[in-house]
Amino acid sequence: MLKKDKEKVLGEVFDDERVKSFLDYLPPAGVDRDFHLLEKAYRGMNIDNFETFLNYFREAGYNLNATNPDGKTLAQIASEHGHGDDYVQALKAAGG
């Protein structure tokens, strides 16, 4: 059974251009841009698309270890989620 929070992403087609478009999001005030981009991708992509995104993210020179306003990295946050293990492994494999 699919996790409720990931069901919403399965209906959308994520080609390379769509995956790259996640690099264009602007963060809210007080949020690190790099962290915001990672979090948007984590919340909006399945693991395969997220891994592709991480390649584009790194190529653009962004920081995989960026932190949120509370000082946590995305890997730390995802490790607290039941569905986050694959995402944490992808972040680690990418150098985060």
PDB file of N, CA and C in Angstrom:
ATOM      1  N   MET A   1       0.836  -1.184   0.000  1.00  0.00           N
ATOM      2  CA  MET A   1       0.000   0.000   0.000  1.00  0.00           C
ATOM      3  C   MET A   1       0.879   1.244   0.000  1.00  0.00           C
ATOM      4  N   LEU A   2       0.467   2.236  -0.738  1.00  0.00           N
ATOM      5  CA  LEU A   2       1.238   3.478  -0.824  1.00  0.00           C
ATOM      6  C   LEU A   2       1.017   4.344   0.398  1.00  0.00           C
ATOM      7  N   LYS A   3       2.041   5.053   0.774  1.00  0.00           N
ATOM      8  CA  LYS A   3       1.909   6.021   1.856  1.00  0.00           C
ATOM      9  C   LYS A   3       1.050   7.176   1.376  1.00  0.00           C
ATOM     10  N   LYS A   4       0.185   7.671   2.224  1.00  0.00           N
ATOM     11  CA  LYS A   4      -0.739   8.736   1.849  1.00  0.00           C
ATOM     12  C   LYS A   4      -0.024   9.941   1.264  1.00  0.00           C
ATOM     13  N   ASP A   5       1.105  10.331   1.858  1.00  0.00           N
ATOM     14  CA  ASP A   5       1.793  11.534   1.406  1.00  0.00           C
ATOM     15  C   ASP A   5       2.504  11.346   0.070  1.00  0.00           C
ATOM     16  N   LYS A   6       2.707  10.118  -0.370  1.00  0.00           N
ATOM     17  CA  LYS A   6       3.383   9.893  -1.644  1.00  0.00           C
ATOM     18  C   LYS A   6       2.402   9.571  -2.767  1.00  0.00           C
ATOM     19  N   GLU A   7       1.148   9.279  -2.450  1.00  0.00           N
ATOM     20  CA  GLU A   7       0.167   8.970  -3.477  1.00  0.00           C
ATOM     21  C   GLU A   7      -0.012  10.123  -4.453  1.00  0.00           C
ATOM     22  N   LYS A   8       0.056  11.342  -3.958  1.00  0.00           N
ATOM     23  CA  LYS A   8      -0.213  12.508  -4.789  1.00  0.00           C
ATOM     24  C   LYS A   8       0.793  12.692  -5.920  1.00  0.00           C
ATOM     25  N   VAL A   9       1.998  12.161  -5.798  1.00  0.00           N
ATOM     26  CA  VAL A   9       3.013  12.395  -6.816  1.00  0.00           C
ATOM     27  C   VAL A   9       2.946  11.400  -7.968  1.00  0.00           C
ATOM     28  N   LEU A  10       2.203  10.331  -7.806  1.00  0.00           N
ATOM     29  CA  LEU A  10       2.227   9.278  -8.809  1.00  0.00           C
ATOM     30  C   LEU A  10       1.481   9.631 -10.087  1.00  0.00           C
ATOM     31  N   GLY A  11       0.551  10.569 -10.042  1.00  0.00           N
ATOM     32  CA  GLY A  11      -0.203  10.916 -11.226  1.00  0.00           C
ATOM     33  C   GLY A  11       0.518  11.870 -12.158  1.00  0.00           C
ATOM     34  N   GLU A  12       1.541  12.530 -11.714  1.00  0.00           N
ATOM     35  CA  GLU A  12       2.250  13.528 -12.512  1.00  0.00           C
ATOM     36  C   GLU A  12       3.467  12.906 -13.187  1.00  0.00           C
ATOM     37  N   VAL A  13       3.688  13.279 -14.440  1.00  0.00           N
ATOM     38  CA  VAL A  13       4.853  12.808 -15.166  1.00  0.00           C
ATOM     39  C   VAL A  13       6.039  13.710 -14.837  1.00  0.00           C
ATOM     40  N   PHE A  14       7.117  13.106 -14.406  1.00  0.00           N
ATOM     41  CA  PHE A  14       8.323  13.851 -14.077  1.00  0.00           C
ATOM     42  C   PHE A  14       9.402  13.529 -15.100  1.00  0.00           C
ATOM     43  N   ASP A  15       9.426  14.301 -16.178  1.00  0.00           N
ATOM     44  CA  ASP A  15      10.537  14.173 -17.115  1.00  0.00           C
ATOM     45  C   ASP A  15      11.695  15.011 -16.577  1.00  0.00           C
ATOM     46  N   ASP A  16      12.821  14.997 -17.277  1.00  0.00           N
ATOM     47  CA  ASP A  16      13.996  15.721 -16.785  1.00  0.00           C
ATOM     48  C   ASP A  16      13.720  17.208 -16.586  1.00  0.00           C
ATOM     49  N   GLU A  17      12.963  17.811 -17.482  1.00  0.00           N
ATOM     50  CA  GLU A  17      12.674  19.242 -17.349  1.00  0.00           C
ATOM     51  C   GLU A  17      11.841  19.525 -16.105  1.00  0.00           C
ATOM     52  N   ARG A  18      10.881  18.652 -15.819  1.00  0.00           N
ATOM     53  CA  ARG A  18      10.064  18.837 -14.612  1.00  0.00           C
ATOM     54  C   ARG A  18      10.919  18.672 -13.369  1.00  0.00           C
ATOM     55  N   VAL A  19      11.779  17.676 -13.361  1.00  0.00           N
ATOM     56  CA  VAL A  19      12.669  17.465 -12.213  1.00  0.00           C
ATOM     57  C   VAL A  19      13.566  18.692 -12.026  1.00  0.00           C
ATOM     58  N   LYS A  20      14.148  19.195 -13.112  1.00  0.00           N
ATOM     59  CA  LYS A  20      15.018  20.378 -13.035  1.00  0.00           C
ATOM     60  C   LYS A  20      14.266  21.612 -12.551  1.00  0.00           C
ATOM     61  N   SER A  21      12.970  21.678 -12.834  1.00  0.00           N
ATOM     62  CA  SER A  21      12.197  22.858 -12.445  1.00  0.00           C
ATOM     63  C   SER A  21      12.161  23.057 -10.935  1.00  0.00           C
ATOM     64  N   PHE A  22      12.432  22.007 -10.181  1.00  0.00           N
ATOM     65  CA  PHE A  22      12.460  22.139  -8.728  1.00  0.00           C
ATOM     66  C   PHE A  22      13.650  22.983  -8.264  1.00  0.00           C
ATOM     67  N   LEU A  23      14.617  23.214  -9.134  1.00  0.00           N
ATOM     68  CA  LEU A  23      15.747  24.083  -8.788  1.00  0.00           C
ATOM     69  C   LEU A  23      15.369  25.558  -8.856  1.00  0.00           C
ATOM     70  N   ASP A  24      14.187  25.865  -9.372  1.00  0.00           N
ATOM     71  CA  ASP A  24      13.776  27.247  -9.571  1.00  0.00           C
ATOM     72  C   ASP A  24      12.924  27.818  -8.443  1.00  0.00           C
ATOM     73  N   TYR A  25      12.557  26.994  -7.479  1.00  0.00           N
ATOM     74  CA  TYR A  25      11.696  27.482  -6.395  1.00  0.00           C
ATOM     75  C   TYR A  25      12.442  28.490  -5.524  1.00  0.00           C
ATOM     76  N   LEU A  26      11.731  29.518  -5.118  1.00  0.00           N
ATOM     77  CA  LEU A  26      12.290  30.515  -4.209  1.00  0.00           C
ATOM     78  C   LEU A  26      11.871  30.181  -2.784  1.00  0.00           C
ATOM     79  N   PRO A  27      12.786  30.322  -1.849  1.00  0.00           N
ATOM     80  CA  PRO A  27      12.459  29.981  -0.464  1.00  0.00           C
ATOM     81  C   PRO A  27      11.674  31.095   0.220  1.00  0.00           C
ATOM     82  N   PRO A  28      10.933  30.723   1.253  1.00  0.00           N
ATOM     83  CA  PRO A  28      10.313  31.765   2.083  1.00  0.00           C
ATOM     84  C   PRO A  28      11.401  32.507   2.862  1.00  0.00           C
ATOM     85  N   ALA A  29      11.062  33.662   3.349  1.00  0.00           N
ATOM     86  CA  ALA A  29      12.018  34.458   4.130  1.00  0.00           C
ATOM     87  C   ALA A  29      12.537  33.638   5.309  1.00  0.00           C
ATOM     88  N   GLY A  30      13.844  33.692   5.502  1.00  0.00           N
ATOM     89  CA  GLY A  30      14.462  33.024   6.638  1.00  0.00           C
ATOM     90  C   GLY A  30      14.797  31.560   6.426  1.00  0.00           C
ATOM     91  N   VAL A  31      14.522  31.037   5.229  1.00  0.00           N
ATOM     92  CA  VAL A  31      14.816  29.624   4.942  1.00  0.00           C
ATOM     93  C   VAL A  31      15.942  29.566   3.917  1.00  0.00           C
ATOM     94  N   ASP A  32      16.950  28.763   4.209  1.00  0.00           N
ATOM     95  CA  ASP A  32      18.074  28.572   3.303  1.00  0.00           C
ATOM     96  C   ASP A  32      17.571  28.045   1.959  1.00  0.00           C
ATOM     97  N   ARG A  33      17.989  28.659   0.880  1.00  0.00           N
ATOM     98  CA  ARG A  33      17.536  28.277  -0.461  1.00  0.00           C
ATOM     99  C   ARG A  33      17.810  26.807  -0.754  1.00  0.00           C
ATOM    100  N   ASP A  34      19.013  26.350  -0.465  1.00  0.00           N
ATOM    101  CA  ASP A  34      19.382  24.979  -0.777  1.00  0.00           C
ATOM    102  C   ASP A  34      18.525  23.987   0.003  1.00  0.00           C
ATOM    103  N   PHE A  35      18.306  24.272   1.267  1.00  0.00           N
ATOM    104  CA  PHE A  35      17.444  23.399   2.066  1.00  0.00           C
ATOM    105  C   PHE A  35      16.029  23.382   1.491  1.00  0.00           C
ATOM    106  N   HIS A  36      15.529  24.555   1.143  1.00  0.00           N
ATOM    107  CA  HIS A  36      14.172  24.656   0.599  1.00  0.00           C
ATOM    108  C   HIS A  36      14.007  23.815  -0.666  1.00  0.00           C
ATOM    109  N   LEU A  37      14.990  23.876  -1.550  1.00  0.00           N
ATOM    110  CA  LEU A  37      14.924  23.091  -2.787  1.00  0.00           C
ATOM    111  C   LEU A  37      14.916  21.591  -2.483  1.00  0.00           C
ATOM    112  N   LEU A  38      15.769  21.169  -1.575  1.00  0.00           N
ATOM    113  CA  LEU A  38      15.800  19.756  -1.189  1.00  0.00           C
ATOM    114  C   LEU A  38      14.471  19.313  -0.586  1.00  0.00           C
ATOM    115  N   GLU A  39      13.940  20.144   0.286  1.00  0.00           N
ATOM    116  CA  GLU A  39      12.685  19.776   0.947  1.00  0.00           C
ATOM    117  C   GLU A  39      11.524  19.709  -0.042  1.00  0.00           C
ATOM    118  N   LYS A  40      11.459  20.655  -0.972  1.00  0.00           N
ATOM    119  CA  LYS A  40      10.405  20.631  -1.991  1.00  0.00           C
ATOM    120  C   LYS A  40      10.498  19.355  -2.821  1.00  0.00           C
ATOM    121  N   ALA A  41      11.699  18.976  -3.200  1.00  0.00           N
ATOM    122  CA  ALA A  41      11.879  17.758  -3.989  1.00  0.00           C
ATOM    123  C   ALA A  41      11.504  16.526  -3.168  1.00  0.00           C
ATOM    124  N   TYR A  42      11.919  16.489  -1.928  1.00  0.00           N
ATOM    125  CA  TYR A  42      11.603  15.359  -1.050  1.00  0.00           C
ATOM    126  C   TYR A  42      10.098  15.194  -0.897  1.00  0.00           C
ATOM    127  N   ARG A  43       9.412  16.289  -0.702  1.00  0.00           N
ATOM    128  CA  ARG A  43       7.964  16.228  -0.480  1.00  0.00           C
ATOM    129  C   ARG A  43       7.176  16.003  -1.769  1.00  0.00           C
ATOM    130  N   GLY A  44       7.770  16.326  -2.909  1.00  0.00           N
ATOM    131  CA  GLY A  44       7.018  16.264  -4.147  1.00  0.00           C
ATOM    132  C   GLY A  44       7.411  15.189  -5.135  1.00  0.00           C
ATOM    133  N   MET A  45       8.428  14.397  -4.815  1.00  0.00           N
ATOM    134  CA  MET A  45       8.919  13.410  -5.778  1.00  0.00           C
ATOM    135  C   MET A  45       8.986  12.020  -5.177  1.00  0.00           C
ATOM    136  N   ASN A  46       8.819  11.029  -6.049  1.00  0.00           N
ATOM    137  CA  ASN A  46       9.098   9.664  -5.607  1.00  0.00           C
ATOM    138  C   ASN A  46      10.620   9.488  -5.581  1.00  0.00           C
ATOM    139  N   ILE A  47      11.078   8.384  -5.073  1.00  0.00           N
ATOM    140  CA  ILE A  47      12.510   8.209  -4.855  1.00  0.00           C
ATOM    141  C   ILE A  47      13.312   8.242  -6.158  1.00  0.00           C
ATOM    142  N   ASP A  48      12.786   7.690  -7.231  1.00  0.00           N
ATOM    143  CA  ASP A  48      13.532   7.700  -8.493  1.00  0.00           C
ATOM    144  C   ASP A  48      13.745   9.117  -8.999  1.00  0.00           C
ATOM    145  N   ASN A  49      12.696   9.927  -8.949  1.00  0.00           N
ATOM    146  CA  ASN A  49      12.818  11.310  -9.384  1.00  0.00           C
ATOM    147  C   ASN A  49      13.712  12.104  -8.436  1.00  0.00           C
ATOM    148  N   PHE A  50      13.636  11.800  -7.154  1.00  0.00           N
ATOM    149  CA  PHE A  50      14.464  12.489  -6.168  1.00  0.00           C
ATOM    150  C   PHE A  50      15.948  12.220  -6.439  1.00  0.00           C
ATOM    151  N   GLU A  51      16.284  10.992  -6.763  1.00  0.00           N
ATOM    152  CA  GLU A  51      17.679  10.665  -7.077  1.00  0.00           C
ATOM    153  C   GLU A  51      18.153  11.432  -8.305  1.00  0.00           C
ATOM    154  N   THR A  52      17.296  11.540  -9.314  1.00  0.00           N
ATOM    155  CA  THR A  52      17.634  12.334 -10.499  1.00  0.00           C
ATOM    156  C   THR A  52      17.818  13.795 -10.117  1.00  0.00           C
ATOM    157  N   PHE A  53      16.911  14.305  -9.288  1.00  0.00           N
ATOM    158  CA  PHE A  53      17.002  15.691  -8.825  1.00  0.00           C
ATOM    159  C   PHE A  53      18.337  15.936  -8.118  1.00  0.00           C
ATOM    160  N   LEU A  54      18.750  15.009  -7.275  1.00  0.00           N
ATOM    161  CA  LEU A  54      20.004  15.189  -6.534  1.00  0.00           C
ATOM    162  C   LEU A  54      21.189  15.354  -7.472  1.00  0.00           C
ATOM    163  N   ASN A  55      21.170  14.679  -8.603  1.00  0.00           N
ATOM    164  CA  ASN A  55      22.251  14.851  -9.580  1.00  0.00           C
ATOM    165  C   ASN A  55      22.266  16.280 -10.116  1.00  0.00           C
ATOM    166  N   TYR A  56      21.112  16.796 -10.493  1.00  0.00           N
ATOM    167  CA  TYR A  56      21.023  18.181 -10.982  1.00  0.00           C
ATOM    168  C   TYR A  56      21.389  19.171  -9.874  1.00  0.00           C
ATOM    169  N   PHE A  57      20.947  18.905  -8.676  1.00  0.00           N
ATOM    170  CA  PHE A  57      21.208  19.753  -7.515  1.00  0.00           C
ATOM    171  C   PHE A  57      22.712  19.876  -7.284  1.00  0.00           C
ATOM    172  N   ARG A  58      23.404  18.747  -7.297  1.00  0.00           N
ATOM    173  CA  ARG A  58      24.861  18.751  -7.098  1.00  0.00           C
ATOM    174  C   ARG A  58      25.569  19.441  -8.247  1.00  0.00           C
ATOM    175  N   GLU A  59      25.150  19.155  -9.484  1.00  0.00           N
ATOM    176  CA  GLU A  59      25.763  19.789 -10.660  1.00  0.00           C
ATOM    177  C   GLU A  59      25.649  21.302 -10.597  1.00  0.00           C
ATOM    178  N   ALA A  60      24.575  21.794  -9.993  1.00  0.00           N
ATOM    179  CA  ALA A  60      24.366  23.236  -9.869  1.00  0.00           C
ATOM    180  C   ALA A  60      25.191  23.835  -8.728  1.00  0.00           C
ATOM    181  N   GLY A  61      25.862  22.984  -7.958  1.00  0.00           N
ATOM    182  CA  GLY A  61      26.720  23.468  -6.884  1.00  0.00           C
ATOM    183  C   GLY A  61      26.009  23.755  -5.578  1.00  0.00           C
ATOM    184  N   TYR A  62      24.810  23.214  -5.417  1.00  0.00           N
ATOM    185  CA  TYR A  62      24.055  23.448  -4.186  1.00  0.00           C
ATOM    186  C   TYR A  62      24.546  22.534  -3.062  1.00  0.00           C
ATOM    187  N   ASN A  63      24.194  22.890  -1.844  1.00  0.00           N
ATOM    188  CA  ASN A  63      24.676  22.236  -0.640  1.00  0.00           C
ATOM    189  C   ASN A  63      23.714  21.150  -0.158  1.00  0.00           C
ATOM    190  N   LEU A  64      24.132  19.891  -0.225  1.00  0.00           N
ATOM    191  CA  LEU A  64      23.311  18.777   0.245  1.00  0.00           C
ATOM    192  C   LEU A  64      23.137  18.770   1.755  1.00  0.00           C
ATOM    193  N   ASN A  65      23.982  19.493   2.457  1.00  0.00           N
ATOM    194  CA  ASN A  65      23.922  19.536   3.919  1.00  0.00           C
ATOM    195  C   ASN A  65      23.359  20.848   4.446  1.00  0.00           C
ATOM    196  N   ALA A  66      22.617  21.551   3.596  1.00  0.00           N
ATOM    197  CA  ALA A  66      21.974  22.790   4.029  1.00  0.00           C
ATOM    198  C   ALA A  66      20.992  22.473   5.157  1.00  0.00           C
ATOM    199  N   THR A  67      20.776  23.448   6.009  1.00  0.00           N
ATOM    200  CA  THR A  67      19.907  23.228   7.170  1.00  0.00           C
ATOM    201  C   THR A  67      18.684  24.135   7.140  1.00  0.00           C
ATOM    202  N   ASN A  68      17.654  23.676   7.832  1.00  0.00           N
ATOM    203  CA  ASN A  68      16.447  24.480   7.993  1.00  0.00           C
ATOM    204  C   ASN A  68      16.670  25.487   9.116  1.00  0.00           C
ATOM    205  N   PRO A  69      15.699  26.339   9.405  1.00  0.00           N
ATOM    206  CA  PRO A  69      15.899  27.330  10.474  1.00  0.00           C
ATOM    207  C   PRO A  69      16.173  26.720  11.849  1.00  0.00           C
ATOM    208  N   ASP A  70      15.821  25.445  12.031  1.00  0.00           N
ATOM    209  CA  ASP A  70      16.096  24.767  13.302  1.00  0.00           C
ATOM    210  C   ASP A  70      17.453  24.076  13.326  1.00  0.00           C
ATOM    211  N   GLY A  71      18.215  24.213  12.231  1.00  0.00           N
ATOM    212  CA  GLY A  71      19.546  23.632  12.168  1.00  0.00           C
ATOM    213  C   GLY A  71      19.589  22.169  11.755  1.00  0.00           C
ATOM    214  N   LYS A  72      18.493  21.645  11.202  1.00  0.00           N
ATOM    215  CA  LYS A  72      18.458  20.247  10.780  1.00  0.00           C
ATOM    216  C   LYS A  72      18.638  20.135   9.272  1.00  0.00           C
ATOM    217  N   THR A  73      19.377  19.101   8.858  1.00  0.00           N
ATOM    218  CA  THR A  73      19.505  18.808   7.433  1.00  0.00           C
ATOM    219  C   THR A  73      18.286  18.005   6.991  1.00  0.00           C
ATOM    220  N   LEU A  74      18.097  17.910   5.685  1.00  0.00           N
ATOM    221  CA  LEU A  74      16.991  17.104   5.180  1.00  0.00           C
ATOM    222  C   LEU A  74      17.175  15.646   5.564  1.00  0.00           C
ATOM    223  N   ALA A  75      18.397  15.149   5.549  1.00  0.00           N
ATOM    224  CA  ALA A  75      18.645  13.760   5.941  1.00  0.00           C
ATOM    225  C   ALA A  75      18.199  13.516   7.383  1.00  0.00           C
ATOM    226  N   GLN A  76      18.456  14.453   8.263  1.00  0.00           N
ATOM    227  CA  GLN A  76      18.030  14.305   9.654  1.00  0.00           C
ATOM    228  C   GLN A  76      16.508  14.277   9.754  1.00  0.00           C
ATOM    229  N   ILE A  77      15.857  15.133   9.010  1.00  0.00           N
ATOM    230  CA  ILE A  77      14.398  15.192   9.041  1.00  0.00           C
ATOM    231  C   ILE A  77      13.804  13.928   8.433  1.00  0.00           C
ATOM    232  N   ALA A  78      14.293  13.534   7.265  1.00  0.00           N
ATOM    233  CA  ALA A  78      13.756  12.356   6.583  1.00  0.00           C
ATOM    234  C   ALA A  78      13.969  11.090   7.405  1.00  0.00           C
ATOM    235  N   SER A  79      15.042  11.032   8.175  1.00  0.00           N
ATOM    236  CA  SER A  79      15.311   9.836   8.981  1.00  0.00           C
ATOM    237  C   SER A  79      14.270   9.655  10.079  1.00  0.00           C
ATOM    238  N   GLU A  80      13.520  10.705  10.387  1.00  0.00           N
ATOM    239  CA  GLU A  80      12.466  10.631  11.396  1.00  0.00           C
ATOM    240  C   GLU A  80      11.137  10.182  10.798  1.00  0.00           C
ATOM    241  N   HIS A  81      11.066  10.067   9.474  1.00  0.00           N
ATOM    242  CA  HIS A  81       9.831   9.682   8.787  1.00  0.00           C
ATOM    243  C   HIS A  81       9.881   8.207   8.416  1.00  0.00           C
ATOM    244  N   GLY A  82       8.765   7.538   8.550  1.00  0.00           N
ATOM    245  CA  GLY A  82       8.700   6.117   8.227  1.00  0.00           C
ATOM    246  C   GLY A  82       9.062   5.808   6.790  1.00  0.00           C
ATOM    247  N   HIS A  83       8.765   6.708   5.877  1.00  0.00           N
ATOM    248  CA  HIS A  83       9.048   6.496   4.454  1.00  0.00           C
ATOM    249  C   HIS A  83      10.358   7.138   4.014  1.00  0.00           C
ATOM    250  N   GLY A  84      11.107   7.690   4.938  1.00  0.00           N
ATOM    251  CA  GLY A  84      12.274   8.482   4.584  1.00  0.00           C
ATOM    252  C   GLY A  84      13.576   7.740   4.363  1.00  0.00           C
ATOM    253  N   ASP A  85      13.636   6.465   4.694  1.00  0.00           N
ATOM    254  CA  ASP A  85      14.912   5.738   4.624  1.00  0.00           C
ATOM    255  C   ASP A  85      15.553   5.770   3.241  1.00  0.00           C
ATOM    256  N   ASP A  86      14.770   5.537   2.198  1.00  0.00           N
ATOM    257  CA  ASP A  86      15.328   5.548   0.839  1.00  0.00           C
ATOM    258  C   ASP A  86      15.869   6.929   0.483  1.00  0.00           C
ATOM    259  N   TYR A  87      15.201   7.969   0.956  1.00  0.00           N
ATOM    260  CA  TYR A  87      15.624   9.336   0.674  1.00  0.00           C
ATOM    261  C   TYR A  87      16.918   9.662   1.423  1.00  0.00           C
ATOM    262  N   VAL A  88      17.020   9.200   2.648  1.00  0.00           N
ATOM    263  CA  VAL A  88      18.253   9.393   3.422  1.00  0.00           C
ATOM    264  C   VAL A  88      19.405   8.693   2.718  1.00  0.00           C
ATOM    265  N   GLN A  89      19.186   7.464   2.253  1.00  0.00           N
ATOM    266  CA  GLN A  89      20.236   6.729   1.546  1.00  0.00           C
ATOM    267  C   GLN A  89      20.633   7.445   0.258  1.00  0.00           C
ATOM    268  N   ALA A  90      19.649   7.998  -0.445  1.00  0.00           N
ATOM    269  CA  ALA A  90      19.956   8.738  -1.688  1.00  0.00           C
ATOM    270  C   ALA A  90      20.794   9.976  -1.383  1.00  0.00           C
ATOM    271  N   LEU A  91      20.463  10.679  -0.309  1.00  0.00           N
ATOM    272  CA  LEU A  91      21.232  11.850   0.093  1.00  0.00           C
ATOM    273  C   LEU A  91      22.669  11.465   0.446  1.00  0.00           C
ATOM    274  N   LYS A  92      22.826  10.384   1.177  1.00  0.00           N
ATOM    275  CA  LYS A  92      24.160   9.920   1.555  1.00  0.00           C
ATOM    276  C   LYS A  92      24.954   9.512   0.309  1.00  0.00           C
ATOM    277  N   ALA A  93      24.307   8.795  -0.594  1.00  0.00           N
ATOM    278  CA  ALA A  93      24.980   8.346  -1.812  1.00  0.00           C
ATOM    279  C   ALA A  93      25.416   9.531  -2.673  1.00  0.00           C
ATOM    280  N   ALA A  94      24.681  10.627  -2.589  1.00  0.00           N
ATOM    281  CA  ALA A  94      24.998  11.823  -3.362  1.00  0.00           C
ATOM    282  C   ALA A  94      26.081  12.663  -2.675  1.00  0.00           C
ATOM    283  N   GLY A  95      26.433  12.317  -1.446  1.00  0.00           N
ATOM    284  CA  GLY A  95      27.482  13.049  -0.740  1.00  0.00           C
ATOM    285  C   GLY A  95      26.989  13.883   0.409  1.00  0.00           C
ATOM    286  N   GLY A  96      25.743  13.728   0.781  1.00  0.00           N
ATOM    287  CA  GLY A  96      25.158  14.503   1.880  1.00  0.00           C
ATOM    288  C   GLY A  96      25.344  13.832   3.224  1.00  0.00           C
TER     289      GLY A  96
END
